[in-house]
Amino acid sequence: MRSRAARTLALAALGLCLGGVPSPADTVLSGEYNVQIDLRKQDRNYDWNFDSNNSDTYSNAQLRLFSQPFTGVEAFIKTEADWHPSDNNTSRPLFQFREADLRYRWDLGGKGFDSYLFSRQNRFWVENHLIQVVQSDPPSDGGNAQGFRVDSWGFLGGLNGTFIYSDYSSQFDPTGTNKNPLKTDDAVIVRLRDEFLERKLRAGFTYNRKIENQINEGPNAAASVIAGDLRYTLRNVELSLEYAQSVTDSTRQFPSPSVSFPDALDQKFLGIPLSDRGVWVGEIRSIQVGSASLGYINFAPVGWLRGPKFDNRLGDSNRDERGYTINTWYLVPGRAITLSNNLTRYEKKATIRRKVTELYSEAYIEFVNGFTGKVFYRNKRTTDDPGLLTERVDKNDDLFGEVQVESKLAWLRVEGKLKNLGTRNEKQLASIETSVNIGTQTKLYNRLMFGNDPTGLRRILFSQIQYRPAGNMDFFLEYGPSWIGDSQRPVDDGDLEGSGVQKDLIKLFVKGTF
C-alpha cells in the first residue's frame, strides 16, 4: 500500500508537470551530478589502491522536474541514482524515485492556506521557541515520510495554524524482515498561534502524536504531547513561559530511581506539586542595565523543570532535569569588543543522581585591517552521586583562542585549544587554515592541525584545490582526511579531539548542475 501510494503521487506529479502547462517557461527540468574517486595508501589490500565506491566517496545523479501550470499550483518530482555502499544494493547505480510533492496555495486579503501532498520528504517543521515540541527532522527518519500538510493564516481573527499527518515511508519492508513488515509509524502534528494586544501578547498551542506501529504493539505504541506557549513584550523585554505535557497510552518503562532517594519522583517547585510527565521553561529576554557612556549590560535568564517521565517521540525528549542559565553580554562603548558570560546549572535526581555547573566566558574583538579575535574559557563540573560516599567530580576546563583575517586575496584563521585543563586527559589542539584566491576560478585551501595527546603528537594535513571553470561546475582535488576538523571550529571537531590521525588519501570530486 505504501509503495503504491508513493507511485500514485509520483505519477500525479509527473502528469501535472507535463499536462496543462500554458507556456514552456512554467516547467523546469534541472538536475545535478557528482563523481568521486580516491586513491588511498592505508586500509586497503594494496598500497594506493583505487576505489570509487566506499564510505568516503559518494557519486550521485539527480533529475528534477518542477512545474507551475497555474497560479498557486505547483508540482515537483525528483529521481536519483546513488553510487554508495550504504545507499544501494545493486552492482551498478539505478535511477529510482526519490521524492515528490503537489502544492496548492490560496491567498486573498490576508487570509489563505498553503497545502502540500508529499512523499519521501521532511515536512515536519513547525514554529518552536523554548521547548522543541517538534524537531524539524524528528527521530525515526522524519526526512523520509509521506503525507499531507496544511498551513493557514488570517482566519478566526488572525489565527495561524498548521496540520500535518504523515507516516514513515522508509520503514515499509515487504521482505518481512521487521516485526511488522507491512506497517509504518504514523505522526500527527497540530500547531496554532495568534497575537493579541497590538502584537504584545503571543499565544500558541502545539499537539503531536507518534504511533509506533512497526516496532511496538499494544497500549505502549503511542505517545502524545500537548504544549502551550506565551510571550508578552513589555517595552523592550520579552517574558516567555511554556509548558508541555506528555500522555502515554500506558505506563512506559523508565529507569527506577535509587531506593536511597524515595522522593526522586516527587516533583515540586516552591512547594507546588508538578506532574512527572510535564516540562516547564521560562525566559526573560532581556534585562538591560547601563548608559550610553558606560555601556549596557544585558541579562537573559532561562529556567526549566523537566519531569522524569516526559515522553516526546517527535521532538525534544530530555527529561529528569531542573536548572537555569543566565546569559549576559556587554558591548564596550567606543570599542568593537563584546564580552559575554553564560552560567548554567542543572541537576538530575530520578534516573541518575547528577549535578552539572558550567561557566562560559567569551571576549570577541574586532581589530583594524580586517582582523578579528575570540577568546573563551569554559569551566565545567559534573558531580555524580552528590552527598554520598560514592560522590565523583569530573572536571572539564577548556581554553580557546582564535585570530582570523580576510582580504580579497586570501583568508587566514589560527585556532588553539587547551582541552581538559589540569587533568590526565589534557590535550593541546591547534589548527591553521588558509584559503588563497589563485585566480578568478581557482582557490587553494589548506588546513593543518595538531593534537598533542598524553600518548603522543598527531599531525593532520588536508589540502584542496578548488577549480570552477563555470558557474555550474565544481572540480576539487584533495589530499588528506577531509572529515577531521570539518566543524565550524576545527579544534572543536570530535575527530580531532578524539583520536583522528593522518590518512594518505587523494580524492577527486567533480560536480555539475544544469
Protein backbone atom coordinates (compact mmCIF):
# COMPACT_ATOMS: atom_id res chain seq x y z
CA MET A 1 0.00 0.00 0.00
CA ARG A 2 2.78 2.44 0.90
CA SER A 3 4.70 1.72 -2.30
CA ARG A 4 1.51 2.06 -4.35
CA ALA A 5 0.71 5.41 -2.71
CA ALA A 6 4.19 6.72 -3.50
CA ARG A 7 3.88 5.64 -7.12
CA THR A 8 0.45 7.26 -7.38
CA LEU A 9 1.75 10.58 -6.06
CA ALA A 10 4.77 10.43 -8.35
CA LEU A 11 2.58 9.78 -11.40
CA ALA A 12 0.19 12.56 -10.38
CA ALA A 13 3.09 15.00 -10.00
CA LEU A 14 4.51 13.93 -13.37
CA GLY A 15 1.13 14.30 -15.05
CA LEU A 16 0.64 17.76 -13.58
CA CYS A 17 4.15 18.72 -14.69
CA LEU A 18 3.58 17.64 -18.27
CA GLY A 19 -0.08 18.44 -18.73
CA GLY A 20 -1.99 21.70 -18.80
CA VAL A 21 1.12 23.88 -19.00
CA PRO A 22 0.33 27.30 -20.52
CA SER A 23 3.92 28.01 -21.59
CA PRO A 24 7.31 26.25 -21.52
CA ALA A 25 8.59 28.81 -19.02
CA ASP A 26 6.32 27.32 -16.35
CA THR A 27 8.10 23.94 -16.41
CA VAL A 28 11.75 23.49 -15.46
CA LEU A 29 13.87 20.37 -15.89
CA SER A 30 17.03 20.52 -13.82
CA GLY A 31 19.47 18.21 -12.17
CA GLU A 32 22.96 17.63 -10.91
CA TYR A 33 25.68 15.03 -10.91
CA ASN A 34 28.84 14.39 -8.97
CA VAL A 35 31.59 11.83 -9.37
CA GLN A 36 34.08 10.94 -6.65
CA ILE A 37 37.09 8.64 -6.84
CA ASP A 38 40.01 8.19 -4.48
CA LEU A 39 43.42 6.63 -4.10
CA ARG A 40 44.43 5.50 -0.63
CA LYS A 41 47.62 4.12 0.83
CA GLN A 42 46.14 2.74 4.05
CA ASP A 43 43.21 0.46 4.85
CA ARG A 44 43.28 -1.49 1.57
CA ASN A 45 44.82 -4.69 0.29
CA TYR A 46 47.27 -2.86 -1.98
CA ASP A 47 49.05 0.45 -1.45
CA TRP A 48 47.46 3.36 -3.30
CA ASN A 49 44.60 1.18 -4.43
CA PHE A 50 41.87 2.90 -6.49
CA ASP A 51 38.22 2.84 -5.44
CA SER A 52 35.09 4.74 -6.44
CA ASN A 53 32.51 3.15 -4.13
CA ASN A 54 33.37 3.24 -0.43
CA SER A 55 32.34 5.03 2.74
CA ASP A 56 34.37 8.15 1.81
CA THR A 57 33.14 8.57 -1.76
CA TYR A 58 29.65 9.35 -2.91
CA SER A 59 28.65 9.61 -6.57
CA ASN A 60 25.18 10.80 -7.35
CA ALA A 61 22.99 11.84 -10.27
CA GLN A 62 19.65 13.64 -9.97
CA LEU A 63 16.86 14.67 -12.32
CA ARG A 64 14.32 17.20 -11.01
CA LEU A 65 11.12 18.32 -12.71
CA PHE A 66 9.25 21.37 -11.41
CA SER A 67 6.07 22.80 -12.88
CA GLN A 68 3.71 25.68 -12.07
CA PRO A 69 0.87 25.22 -14.54
CA PHE A 70 -1.48 27.62 -12.78
CA THR A 71 -1.17 30.36 -10.19
CA GLY A 72 -0.90 28.75 -6.78
CA VAL A 73 -0.41 25.23 -8.15
CA GLU A 74 3.00 23.53 -8.17
CA ALA A 75 4.32 20.04 -8.74
CA PHE A 76 7.75 18.60 -8.14
CA ILE A 77 9.37 15.19 -8.65
CA LYS A 78 12.97 14.02 -8.25
CA THR A 79 14.67 10.81 -9.31
CA GLU A 80 18.15 9.86 -8.17
CA ALA A 81 20.86 7.29 -8.70
CA ASP A 82 23.38 6.75 -5.87
CA TRP A 83 26.77 5.06 -6.04
CA HIS A 84 27.45 4.47 -2.38
CA PRO A 85 27.56 1.18 -0.46
CA SER A 86 25.05 2.23 2.19
CA ASP A 87 22.53 3.68 -0.28
CA ASN A 88 22.18 0.97 -2.92
CA ASN A 89 22.38 -2.81 -3.02
CA THR A 90 22.95 -3.23 -6.74
CA SER A 91 26.11 -3.81 -8.73
CA ARG A 92 25.55 -0.51 -10.55
CA PRO A 93 23.53 2.57 -9.53
CA LEU A 94 19.95 2.63 -10.74
CA PHE A 95 17.67 5.64 -11.11
CA GLN A 96 14.91 5.43 -8.53
CA PHE A 97 12.09 7.63 -7.31
CA ARG A 98 13.43 9.90 -4.57
CA GLU A 99 10.72 12.44 -3.65
CA ALA A 100 7.68 14.32 -4.96
CA ASP A 101 5.10 16.84 -3.84
CA LEU A 102 1.95 18.62 -5.02
CA ARG A 103 1.26 22.11 -3.70
CA TYR A 104 -1.78 24.36 -3.73
CA ARG A 105 -1.64 27.87 -2.25
CA TRP A 106 -4.57 30.27 -1.89
CA ASP A 107 -4.14 33.82 -0.57
CA LEU A 108 -6.77 36.56 -0.64
CA GLY A 109 -6.92 39.67 1.51
CA GLY A 110 -4.60 38.46 4.27
CA LYS A 111 -6.35 35.10 4.58
CA GLY A 112 -5.35 31.84 2.97
CA PHE A 113 -3.77 28.44 3.21
CA ASP A 114 -0.79 26.58 1.78
CA SER A 115 -1.12 22.81 1.33
CA TYR A 116 1.28 20.02 0.39
CA LEU A 117 0.78 16.40 -0.55
CA PHE A 118 4.25 14.91 -0.25
CA SER A 119 6.16 11.66 -0.47
CA ARG A 120 9.62 10.91 0.96
CA GLN A 121 10.14 14.46 2.21
CA ASN A 122 10.67 16.21 5.52
CA ARG A 123 7.66 18.49 6.09
CA PHE A 124 7.63 18.37 9.89
CA TRP A 125 8.82 21.90 10.64
CA VAL A 126 6.63 23.95 12.93
CA GLU A 127 7.27 27.07 14.98
CA ASN A 128 9.18 26.22 18.17
CA HIS A 129 10.53 28.51 20.85
CA LEU A 130 11.87 27.40 24.25
CA ILE A 131 10.63 23.79 24.05
CA GLN A 132 11.35 21.85 20.86
CA VAL A 133 7.98 20.12 20.85
CA VAL A 134 8.55 19.05 17.23
CA GLN A 135 12.00 18.79 15.72
CA SER A 136 12.43 19.76 12.06
CA ASP A 137 13.83 16.28 11.40
CA PRO A 138 12.34 14.14 14.17
CA PRO A 139 13.55 10.67 15.13
CA SER A 140 12.79 7.56 13.10
CA ASP A 141 13.71 9.02 9.73
CA GLY A 142 11.37 12.00 9.59
CA GLY A 143 13.07 13.16 6.39
CA ASN A 144 11.67 10.16 4.53
CA ALA A 145 7.96 10.42 5.18
CA GLN A 146 4.77 10.77 3.19
CA GLY A 147 1.52 12.51 3.98
CA PHE A 148 -0.02 15.95 3.75
CA ARG A 149 0.49 19.35 5.37
CA VAL A 150 -1.77 22.42 5.55
CA ASP A 151 -0.74 25.88 6.80
CA SER A 152 -3.43 28.56 7.22
CA TRP A 153 -3.41 32.21 8.26
CA GLY A 154 -5.83 35.07 8.85
CA PHE A 155 -8.89 33.02 9.88
CA LEU A 156 -10.76 33.38 13.19
CA GLY A 157 -9.36 36.81 13.91
CA GLY A 158 -5.83 36.22 12.62
CA LEU A 159 -5.20 32.67 13.85
CA ASN A 160 -2.27 30.87 12.22
CA GLY A 161 -2.50 27.10 12.04
CA THR A 162 -0.56 24.05 10.85
CA PHE A 163 -1.82 20.50 10.48
CA ILE A 164 0.43 17.59 9.45
CA TYR A 165 -0.35 13.92 9.03
CA SER A 166 2.38 11.57 7.91
CA ASP A 167 3.79 8.10 8.05
CA TYR A 168 7.40 6.98 7.70
CA SER A 169 7.58 5.54 4.21
CA SER A 170 11.17 4.30 4.55
CA GLN A 171 10.03 1.75 7.15
CA PHE A 172 7.95 -0.21 4.64
CA ASP A 173 9.56 -3.63 4.27
CA PRO A 174 7.77 -6.14 2.01
CA THR A 175 10.56 -8.69 2.61
CA GLY A 176 9.25 -9.42 6.10
CA THR A 177 12.50 -8.68 7.95
CA ASN A 178 10.88 -6.36 10.50
CA LYS A 179 8.44 -7.37 13.20
CA ASN A 180 5.54 -5.72 11.35
CA PRO A 181 6.84 -5.51 7.77
CA LEU A 182 3.70 -4.02 6.21
CA LYS A 183 3.22 -1.31 8.86
CA THR A 184 4.88 2.06 9.31
CA ASP A 185 4.88 4.56 12.16
CA ASP A 186 2.37 7.43 11.95
CA ALA A 187 2.62 11.02 13.13
CA VAL A 188 0.07 13.79 13.71
CA ILE A 189 1.10 17.41 14.40
CA VAL A 190 -1.09 20.46 15.11
CA ARG A 191 0.20 23.97 15.71
CA LEU A 192 -1.95 27.08 16.42
CA ARG A 193 -0.71 30.60 17.10
CA ASP A 194 -2.21 34.09 17.45
CA GLU A 195 -1.19 37.55 18.65
CA PHE A 196 -3.15 40.00 20.79
CA LEU A 197 -2.88 43.46 22.38
CA GLU A 198 -1.25 45.05 19.33
CA ARG A 199 1.09 42.05 19.00
CA LYS A 200 2.42 42.44 22.54
CA LEU A 201 0.99 39.07 23.58
CA ARG A 202 1.60 35.88 21.59
CA ALA A 203 -0.13 32.63 22.48
CA GLY A 204 0.48 29.24 20.91
CA PHE A 205 -0.69 25.64 21.17
CA THR A 206 1.09 22.52 19.88
CA TYR A 207 -0.02 18.90 19.77
CA ASN A 208 1.84 15.88 18.46
CA ARG A 209 1.18 12.16 18.47
CA LYS A 210 3.54 9.38 17.40
CA ILE A 211 2.16 5.87 16.82
CA GLU A 212 4.89 3.24 16.59
CA ASN A 213 3.10 0.62 14.50
CA GLN A 214 6.26 -1.03 13.23
CA ILE A 215 8.19 -1.98 16.37
CA ASN A 216 5.55 -1.81 19.12
CA GLU A 217 2.19 -3.40 19.65
CA GLY A 218 -0.48 -2.85 22.23
CA PRO A 219 -1.10 0.14 24.51
CA ASN A 220 2.55 1.29 24.63
CA ALA A 221 2.73 2.01 20.89
CA ALA A 222 1.60 5.64 21.04
CA ALA A 223 2.52 8.80 22.92
CA SER A 224 1.19 12.36 22.68
CA VAL A 225 2.40 15.77 23.79
CA ILE A 226 0.19 18.80 24.47
CA ALA A 227 2.05 22.11 24.82
CA GLY A 228 1.25 25.78 25.26
CA ASP A 229 3.45 28.87 24.99
CA LEU A 230 3.01 32.51 26.00
CA ARG A 231 5.17 35.52 25.27
CA TYR A 232 4.48 39.06 26.47
CA THR A 233 6.51 42.06 25.33
CA LEU A 234 6.92 44.79 27.95
CA ARG A 235 8.75 47.67 26.32
CA ASN A 236 12.00 46.05 25.16
CA VAL A 237 11.71 42.99 27.40
CA GLU A 238 10.12 39.70 26.32
CA LEU A 239 8.65 37.41 29.01
CA SER A 240 8.15 33.82 27.81
CA LEU A 241 6.60 30.83 29.55
CA GLU A 242 5.98 27.39 28.02
CA TYR A 243 4.57 24.10 29.26
CA ALA A 244 4.46 20.63 27.68
CA GLN A 245 2.67 17.55 28.99
CA SER A 246 3.14 14.05 27.60
CA VAL A 247 0.42 11.42 27.58
CA THR A 248 1.45 7.79 27.03
CA ASP A 249 -1.22 5.19 26.34
CA SER A 250 0.14 3.05 29.14
CA THR A 251 2.94 3.17 31.68
CA ARG A 252 6.14 3.30 29.68
CA GLN A 253 9.13 1.81 31.48
CA PHE A 254 11.72 4.28 32.76
CA PRO A 255 14.80 3.67 34.88
CA SER A 256 13.76 3.39 38.51
CA PRO A 257 15.06 5.97 40.99
CA SER A 258 17.53 4.98 43.63
CA VAL A 259 15.90 3.41 46.71
CA SER A 260 18.04 5.75 48.80
CA PHE A 261 16.01 8.69 47.48
CA PRO A 262 12.31 7.79 47.68
CA ASP A 263 11.35 11.40 46.86
CA ALA A 264 13.07 11.27 43.45
CA LEU A 265 9.75 11.23 41.58
CA ASP A 266 8.11 13.74 43.93
CA GLN A 267 8.24 16.79 41.65
CA LYS A 268 7.67 20.11 43.43
CA PHE A 269 8.53 23.75 42.82
CA LEU A 270 8.19 26.23 45.71
CA GLY A 271 6.08 23.58 47.44
CA ILE A 272 3.69 23.21 44.47
CA PRO A 273 3.32 19.62 43.15
CA LEU A 274 4.25 19.19 39.48
CA SER A 275 3.47 16.45 37.01
CA ASP A 276 6.26 13.93 36.49
CA ARG A 277 5.37 13.97 32.76
CA GLY A 278 5.44 17.76 32.37
CA VAL A 279 8.06 20.29 31.27
CA TRP A 280 8.16 23.98 32.30
CA VAL A 281 10.52 26.50 30.66
CA GLY A 282 10.60 30.26 31.27
CA GLU A 283 12.79 33.06 29.91
CA ILE A 284 13.26 36.81 30.26
CA ARG A 285 14.98 38.37 27.23
CA SER A 286 16.45 40.67 28.14
CA ILE A 287 17.06 42.96 31.11
CA GLN A 288 19.31 45.89 30.21
CA VAL A 289 21.29 47.98 32.68
CA GLY A 290 23.69 50.88 31.96
CA SER A 291 24.02 54.08 30.00
CA ALA A 292 25.35 55.27 26.65
CA SER A 293 28.61 56.46 28.23
CA LEU A 294 29.25 53.41 30.41
CA GLY A 295 27.78 50.85 28.06
CA TYR A 296 24.91 48.43 28.53
CA ILE A 297 24.99 45.01 30.12
CA ASN A 298 22.19 42.63 29.18
CA PHE A 299 20.79 39.74 31.24
CA ALA A 300 18.68 36.89 29.82
CA PRO A 301 17.81 34.24 32.44
CA VAL A 302 16.24 30.91 31.46
CA GLY A 303 14.88 28.30 33.87
CA TRP A 304 13.40 24.86 33.32
CA LEU A 305 11.80 21.91 35.12
CA ARG A 306 11.60 18.59 33.25
CA GLY A 307 9.65 15.69 34.68
CA PRO A 308 11.36 12.28 34.88
CA LYS A 309 8.65 10.57 32.76
CA PHE A 310 8.30 13.13 29.98
CA ASP A 311 7.86 11.13 26.75
CA ASN A 312 8.13 13.07 23.47
CA ARG A 313 8.76 10.91 20.40
CA LEU A 314 8.68 13.69 17.78
CA GLY A 315 10.95 16.27 19.37
CA ASP A 316 12.96 17.17 22.43
CA SER A 317 12.68 14.23 24.85
CA ASN A 318 15.10 15.44 27.52
CA ARG A 319 13.69 14.51 30.94
CA ASP A 320 14.52 14.41 34.65
CA GLU A 321 16.22 17.79 34.84
CA ARG A 322 15.82 21.10 36.63
CA GLY A 323 18.12 24.06 36.27
CA TYR A 324 18.77 27.53 34.91
CA THR A 325 21.02 29.50 32.59
CA ILE A 326 21.92 33.17 32.94
CA ASN A 327 23.19 34.71 29.69
CA THR A 328 24.91 38.09 29.89
CA TRP A 329 26.62 40.26 27.28
CA TYR A 330 28.28 43.66 27.37
CA LEU A 331 29.32 45.88 24.46
CA VAL A 332 32.28 48.02 25.48
CA PRO A 333 31.44 51.61 24.47
CA GLY A 334 33.77 53.12 21.88
CA ARG A 335 35.41 49.76 21.21
CA ALA A 336 34.49 46.86 18.98
CA ILE A 337 34.57 44.46 21.93
CA THR A 338 31.79 42.17 23.11
CA LEU A 339 32.06 40.38 26.46
CA SER A 340 29.62 37.54 27.19
CA ASN A 341 29.12 35.05 30.00
CA ASN A 342 26.79 32.06 30.33
CA LEU A 343 26.27 30.37 33.69
CA THR A 344 24.37 27.06 33.60
CA ARG A 345 23.41 24.83 36.50
CA TYR A 346 21.12 21.80 36.47
CA GLU A 347 20.59 18.53 38.29
CA LYS A 348 19.04 15.10 37.72
CA LYS A 349 17.73 13.01 40.57
CA ALA A 350 15.37 10.29 39.28
CA THR A 351 17.13 8.33 36.56
CA ILE A 352 20.60 9.34 37.79
CA ARG A 353 21.99 11.44 40.66
CA ARG A 354 23.95 14.23 38.97
CA LYS A 355 24.68 17.95 39.26
CA VAL A 356 26.31 19.99 36.50
CA THR A 357 27.71 23.53 36.66
CA GLU A 358 29.21 25.27 33.65
CA LEU A 359 30.59 28.80 33.26
CA TYR A 360 31.38 30.04 29.76
CA SER A 361 33.15 33.40 29.35
CA GLU A 362 33.99 34.90 25.95
CA ALA A 363 35.58 38.03 24.53
CA TYR A 364 35.14 38.92 20.85
CA ILE A 365 37.33 41.72 19.46
CA GLU A 366 37.41 43.43 16.06
CA PHE A 367 40.82 44.91 15.23
CA VAL A 368 41.83 47.20 12.36
CA ASN A 369 42.58 45.99 8.82
CA GLY A 370 40.03 43.17 8.93
CA PHE A 371 41.48 41.22 11.90
CA THR A 372 39.13 39.66 14.45
CA GLY A 373 39.86 37.68 17.59
CA LYS A 374 38.00 35.49 20.02
CA VAL A 375 38.94 34.02 23.41
CA PHE A 376 36.76 31.88 25.64
CA TYR A 377 37.14 29.89 28.83
CA ARG A 378 34.78 27.06 29.79
CA ASN A 379 34.70 25.75 33.34
CA LYS A 380 32.52 22.66 33.81
CA ARG A 381 31.98 20.45 36.84
CA THR A 382 29.93 17.24 36.80
CA THR A 383 29.16 15.66 40.17
CA ASP A 384 27.71 12.15 40.29
CA ASP A 385 26.06 10.85 43.48
CA PRO A 386 26.37 14.21 45.27
CA GLY A 387 26.47 13.94 49.06
CA LEU A 388 27.18 10.19 49.07
CA LEU A 389 30.35 8.24 49.80
CA THR A 390 30.45 7.36 46.09
CA GLU A 391 30.48 11.04 45.06
CA ARG A 392 32.68 11.65 41.99
CA VAL A 393 33.55 15.01 40.43
CA ASP A 394 34.69 15.29 36.81
CA LYS A 395 36.49 18.48 35.81
CA ASN A 396 36.37 19.77 32.23
CA ASP A 397 38.09 23.11 31.68
CA ASP A 398 38.74 24.38 28.16
CA LEU A 399 40.63 27.48 26.98
CA PHE A 400 40.20 28.60 23.38
CA GLY A 401 41.76 31.33 21.25
CA GLU A 402 41.24 32.39 17.64
CA VAL A 403 42.52 35.06 15.24
CA GLN A 404 41.35 35.46 11.66
CA VAL A 405 41.70 37.95 8.84
CA GLU A 406 40.28 38.16 5.33
CA SER A 407 41.04 40.20 2.23
CA LYS A 408 40.19 39.92 -1.45
CA LEU A 409 43.30 37.78 -1.97
CA ALA A 410 43.22 35.36 0.96
CA TRP A 411 41.72 34.27 4.26
CA LEU A 412 43.60 33.07 7.35
CA ARG A 413 42.37 31.58 10.62
CA VAL A 414 44.50 30.31 13.51
CA GLU A 415 42.92 28.46 16.43
CA GLY A 416 44.22 26.88 19.60
CA LYS A 417 42.52 25.00 22.40
CA LEU A 418 43.58 23.52 25.72
CA LYS A 419 41.08 20.78 26.49
CA ASN A 420 40.52 19.25 29.93
CA LEU A 421 43.00 21.56 31.63
CA GLY A 422 44.76 20.18 34.68
CA THR A 423 43.64 16.56 34.19
CA ARG A 424 45.46 13.47 33.00
CA ASN A 425 43.39 13.69 29.78
CA GLU A 426 44.59 17.19 28.91
CA LYS A 427 45.09 17.84 25.20
CA GLN A 428 46.57 20.71 23.23
CA LEU A 429 44.80 21.21 19.92
CA ALA A 430 45.72 23.67 17.16
CA SER A 431 44.56 24.48 13.64
CA ILE A 432 45.88 26.75 10.88
CA GLU A 433 43.59 27.37 7.91
CA THR A 434 44.37 29.31 4.75
CA SER A 435 42.38 29.99 1.62
CA VAL A 436 44.10 31.76 -1.29
CA ASN A 437 42.42 33.02 -4.45
CA ILE A 438 44.89 32.00 -7.15
CA GLY A 439 42.64 33.37 -9.86
CA THR A 440 39.02 34.16 -10.57
CA GLN A 441 38.24 30.45 -10.95
CA THR A 442 40.82 28.75 -8.72
CA LYS A 443 41.20 28.65 -4.95
CA LEU A 444 43.68 26.78 -2.76
CA TYR A 445 42.56 25.71 0.72
CA ASN A 446 44.81 24.19 3.41
CA ARG A 447 44.09 23.01 6.94
CA LEU A 448 46.96 21.95 9.18
CA MET A 449 46.01 20.55 12.59
CA PHE A 450 47.88 19.33 15.64
CA GLY A 451 46.71 17.17 18.51
CA ASN A 452 49.10 16.77 21.42
CA ASP A 453 47.66 13.87 23.43
CA PRO A 454 49.03 12.32 26.64
CA THR A 455 50.24 9.44 24.48
CA GLY A 456 51.80 11.37 21.59
CA LEU A 457 51.58 14.09 18.97
CA ARG A 458 49.25 13.88 15.95
CA ARG A 459 49.67 15.96 12.79
CA ILE A 460 46.91 16.11 10.19
CA LEU A 461 47.07 17.92 6.85
CA PHE A 462 44.18 18.47 4.47
CA SER A 463 44.66 20.35 1.17
CA GLN A 464 42.17 21.12 -1.54
CA ILE A 465 42.39 22.76 -4.95
CA GLN A 466 39.03 24.21 -5.94
CA TYR A 467 38.56 24.93 -9.63
CA ARG A 468 35.29 26.29 -11.02
CA PRO A 469 35.53 26.53 -14.82
CA ALA A 470 31.90 27.69 -14.98
CA GLY A 471 29.19 28.81 -12.61
CA ASN A 472 27.54 25.41 -12.68
CA MET A 473 30.58 23.15 -12.33
CA ASP A 474 33.00 22.36 -9.48
CA PHE A 475 36.28 20.47 -9.71
CA PHE A 476 38.05 19.60 -6.42
CA LEU A 477 41.31 17.73 -5.94
CA GLU A 478 42.01 16.82 -2.31
CA TYR A 479 44.72 15.29 -0.17
CA GLY A 480 44.24 14.07 3.37
CA PRO A 481 41.24 13.25 5.60
CA SER A 482 38.54 15.84 4.96
CA TRP A 483 36.44 14.64 7.93
CA ILE A 484 38.98 15.70 10.58
CA GLY A 485 38.46 19.35 11.51
CA ASP A 486 35.42 19.87 9.27
CA SER A 487 33.38 21.51 12.07
CA GLN A 488 32.62 25.21 12.32
CA ARG A 489 35.62 25.37 14.64
CA PRO A 490 38.25 22.77 13.65
CA VAL A 491 39.62 22.43 17.20
CA ASP A 492 36.09 21.56 18.43
CA ASP A 493 35.74 18.74 15.92
CA GLY A 494 35.16 15.37 17.56
CA ASP A 495 37.62 13.57 15.26
CA LEU A 496 40.45 15.96 16.18
CA GLU A 497 39.51 15.95 19.87
CA GLY A 498 39.37 12.16 19.75
CA SER A 499 41.97 10.04 18.02
CA GLY A 500 41.79 11.06 14.34
CA VAL A 501 45.11 10.51 12.51
CA GLN A 502 46.56 11.44 9.15
CA LYS A 503 45.50 9.42 6.10
CA ASP A 504 47.36 9.31 2.80
CA LEU A 505 44.31 9.83 0.67
CA ILE A 506 43.93 11.53 -2.72
CA LYS A 507 40.38 12.28 -3.80
CA LEU A 508 38.90 13.74 -6.97
CA PHE A 509 35.48 15.36 -6.88
CA VAL A 510 33.56 16.67 -9.90
CA LYS A 511 30.10 18.23 -9.59
CA GLY A 512 27.87 19.86 -12.14
CA THR A 513 24.36 21.32 -12.20
CA PHE A 514 22.02 22.11 -15.07
